[in-house]
Amino acid sequence: MAERQTYTVLVPFPVGRGHWSTAGQDLDLLDVEANALLSAGRLELKSTSTKALKAAAKKAE
């Protein structure tokens, strides 16, 4: 199962059904969901879970 990471909203964007995120809001997103928003400068990674760090280290081996 894919791990979610916490991102902080820098620039508000639509989150669906007419609702918008707010600057400073924390969102738990999958990498796939956050990729385009990170590229556009609308999000920044807040924290990395321990599981994600262990998985990345395991892949590097």
N, C-alpha and C. Protein backbone atom coordinates (compact mmCIF):
# COMPACT_ATOMS: atom_id res chain seq x y z
N MET A 1 0.83 -1.17 0.00
CA MET A 1 0.00 0.00 0.00
C MET A 1 0.89 1.25 0.00
N ALA A 2 0.55 2.20 -0.81
CA ALA A 2 1.35 3.42 -0.92
C ALA A 2 1.19 4.28 0.33
N GLU A 3 2.29 4.89 0.71
CA GLU A 3 2.29 5.75 1.89
C GLU A 3 1.95 7.18 1.52
N ARG A 4 1.22 7.83 2.38
CA ARG A 4 0.90 9.25 2.21
C ARG A 4 1.94 10.08 2.96
N GLN A 5 2.19 11.27 2.46
CA GLN A 5 3.09 12.19 3.12
C GLN A 5 2.33 13.48 3.37
N THR A 6 2.81 14.24 4.35
CA THR A 6 2.15 15.49 4.71
C THR A 6 2.79 16.65 3.95
N TYR A 7 1.94 17.42 3.29
CA TYR A 7 2.37 18.58 2.51
C TYR A 7 1.68 19.82 3.06
N THR A 8 2.36 20.97 2.96
CA THR A 8 1.78 22.24 3.36
C THR A 8 1.43 23.03 2.11
N VAL A 9 0.24 23.59 2.08
CA VAL A 9 -0.24 24.37 0.93
C VAL A 9 0.44 25.75 0.95
N LEU A 10 1.08 26.11 -0.14
CA LEU A 10 1.69 27.44 -0.29
C LEU A 10 0.76 28.38 -1.04
N VAL A 11 0.15 27.86 -2.12
CA VAL A 11 -0.78 28.64 -2.95
C VAL A 11 -2.08 27.83 -3.04
N PRO A 12 -3.22 28.41 -2.65
CA PRO A 12 -4.49 27.66 -2.69
C PRO A 12 -4.81 27.10 -4.08
N PHE A 13 -5.49 25.94 -4.09
CA PHE A 13 -5.89 25.29 -5.33
C PHE A 13 -7.20 24.56 -5.08
N PRO A 14 -7.99 24.28 -6.13
CA PRO A 14 -9.25 23.57 -5.94
C PRO A 14 -9.02 22.13 -5.50
N VAL A 15 -9.77 21.70 -4.49
CA VAL A 15 -9.63 20.34 -3.99
C VAL A 15 -10.84 19.48 -4.35
N GLY A 16 -11.82 20.07 -5.03
CA GLY A 16 -12.97 19.29 -5.50
C GLY A 16 -14.29 19.78 -4.93
N ARG A 17 -15.34 19.55 -5.71
CA ARG A 17 -16.71 19.90 -5.32
C ARG A 17 -16.85 21.36 -4.92
N GLY A 18 -16.12 22.24 -5.59
CA GLY A 18 -16.23 23.68 -5.34
C GLY A 18 -15.46 24.18 -4.14
N HIS A 19 -14.71 23.32 -3.48
CA HIS A 19 -13.92 23.71 -2.31
C HIS A 19 -12.48 23.99 -2.71
N TRP A 20 -11.84 24.90 -1.98
CA TRP A 20 -10.45 25.25 -2.23
C TRP A 20 -9.63 25.00 -0.97
N SER A 21 -8.38 24.67 -1.17
CA SER A 21 -7.46 24.57 -0.03
C SER A 21 -7.14 25.98 0.44
N THR A 22 -6.51 26.09 1.61
CA THR A 22 -6.10 27.39 2.12
C THR A 22 -4.59 27.39 2.36
N ALA A 23 -3.96 28.54 2.22
CA ALA A 23 -2.51 28.65 2.45
C ALA A 23 -2.23 28.25 3.90
N GLY A 24 -1.22 27.41 4.09
CA GLY A 24 -0.84 26.95 5.41
C GLY A 24 -1.53 25.66 5.84
N GLN A 25 -2.50 25.21 5.06
CA GLN A 25 -3.22 23.97 5.37
C GLN A 25 -2.30 22.77 5.15
N ASP A 26 -2.40 21.76 6.03
CA ASP A 26 -1.64 20.52 5.88
C ASP A 26 -2.53 19.47 5.23
N LEU A 27 -2.01 18.81 4.21
CA LEU A 27 -2.75 17.77 3.50
C LEU A 27 -1.92 16.50 3.45
N ASP A 28 -2.56 15.35 3.64
CA ASP A 28 -1.91 14.05 3.49
C ASP A 28 -2.21 13.54 2.09
N LEU A 29 -1.19 13.49 1.24
CA LEU A 29 -1.38 13.11 -0.16
C LEU A 29 -0.42 11.99 -0.56
N LEU A 30 -0.82 11.25 -1.58
CA LEU A 30 0.06 10.28 -2.21
C LEU A 30 1.03 11.05 -3.11
N ASP A 31 2.16 10.46 -3.43
CA ASP A 31 3.14 11.11 -4.30
C ASP A 31 2.51 11.48 -5.64
N VAL A 32 1.67 10.60 -6.16
CA VAL A 32 1.01 10.83 -7.45
C VAL A 32 0.12 12.07 -7.39
N GLU A 33 -0.59 12.24 -6.27
CA GLU A 33 -1.47 13.39 -6.11
C GLU A 33 -0.68 14.69 -5.97
N ALA A 34 0.46 14.64 -5.31
CA ALA A 34 1.24 15.84 -5.01
C ALA A 34 2.20 16.26 -6.11
N ASN A 35 2.53 15.37 -7.03
CA ASN A 35 3.57 15.62 -8.02
C ASN A 35 3.37 16.91 -8.82
N ALA A 36 2.23 17.10 -9.44
CA ALA A 36 1.98 18.29 -10.27
C ALA A 36 1.91 19.54 -9.40
N LEU A 37 1.34 19.42 -8.21
CA LEU A 37 1.23 20.58 -7.32
C LEU A 37 2.60 21.01 -6.80
N LEU A 38 3.49 20.05 -6.57
CA LEU A 38 4.87 20.39 -6.18
C LEU A 38 5.59 21.10 -7.32
N SER A 39 5.42 20.59 -8.54
CA SER A 39 6.06 21.19 -9.72
C SER A 39 5.58 22.61 -9.96
N ALA A 40 4.32 22.87 -9.64
CA ALA A 40 3.73 24.20 -9.84
C ALA A 40 4.04 25.15 -8.68
N GLY A 41 4.70 24.64 -7.64
CA GLY A 41 5.04 25.48 -6.50
C GLY A 41 3.88 25.75 -5.57
N ARG A 42 2.87 24.91 -5.59
CA ARG A 42 1.69 25.11 -4.74
C ARG A 42 1.79 24.36 -3.41
N LEU A 43 2.72 23.40 -3.31
CA LEU A 43 2.90 22.61 -2.10
C LEU A 43 4.36 22.55 -1.72
N GLU A 44 4.62 22.25 -0.43
CA GLU A 44 5.95 21.86 -0.01
C GLU A 44 5.81 20.69 0.95
N LEU A 45 6.78 19.80 0.91
CA LEU A 45 6.76 18.63 1.77
C LEU A 45 7.00 19.06 3.20
N LYS A 46 6.10 18.67 4.09
CA LYS A 46 6.22 19.06 5.49
C LYS A 46 7.07 18.05 6.26
N SER A 47 6.76 16.78 6.10
CA SER A 47 7.48 15.75 6.83
C SER A 47 7.56 14.49 6.00
N THR A 48 8.50 13.67 6.34
CA THR A 48 8.62 12.38 5.69
C THR A 48 8.44 11.31 6.75
N SER A 49 7.56 10.39 6.51
CA SER A 49 7.30 9.35 7.50
C SER A 49 8.50 8.41 7.61
N THR A 50 8.63 7.79 8.74
CA THR A 50 9.72 6.85 8.98
C THR A 50 9.63 5.68 8.01
N LYS A 51 8.40 5.22 7.74
CA LYS A 51 8.21 4.10 6.81
C LYS A 51 8.71 4.47 5.42
N ALA A 52 8.45 5.70 4.98
CA ALA A 52 8.88 6.13 3.66
C ALA A 52 10.41 6.18 3.59
N LEU A 53 11.04 6.65 4.65
CA LEU A 53 12.50 6.69 4.67
C LEU A 53 13.11 5.29 4.63
N LYS A 54 12.51 4.37 5.38
CA LYS A 54 13.01 2.99 5.38
C LYS A 54 12.83 2.34 4.02
N ALA A 55 11.68 2.60 3.37
CA ALA A 55 11.41 2.03 2.05
C ALA A 55 12.41 2.57 1.03
N ALA A 56 12.72 3.86 1.10
CA ALA A 56 13.67 4.46 0.17
C ALA A 56 15.07 3.88 0.40
N ALA A 57 15.45 3.68 1.63
CA ALA A 57 16.76 3.10 1.94
C ALA A 57 16.84 1.67 1.44
N LYS A 58 15.75 0.93 1.59
CA LYS A 58 15.71 -0.46 1.15
C LYS A 58 15.84 -0.55 -0.38
N LYS A 59 15.19 0.38 -1.11
CA LYS A 59 15.29 0.40 -2.56
C LYS A 59 16.71 0.72 -3.02
N ALA A 60 17.41 1.57 -2.27
CA ALA A 60 18.76 1.97 -2.63
C ALA A 60 19.75 0.82 -2.51
N GLU A 61 19.44 -0.14 -1.67
CA GLU A 61 20.34 -1.30 -1.47
C GLU A 61 20.30 -2.20 -2.62
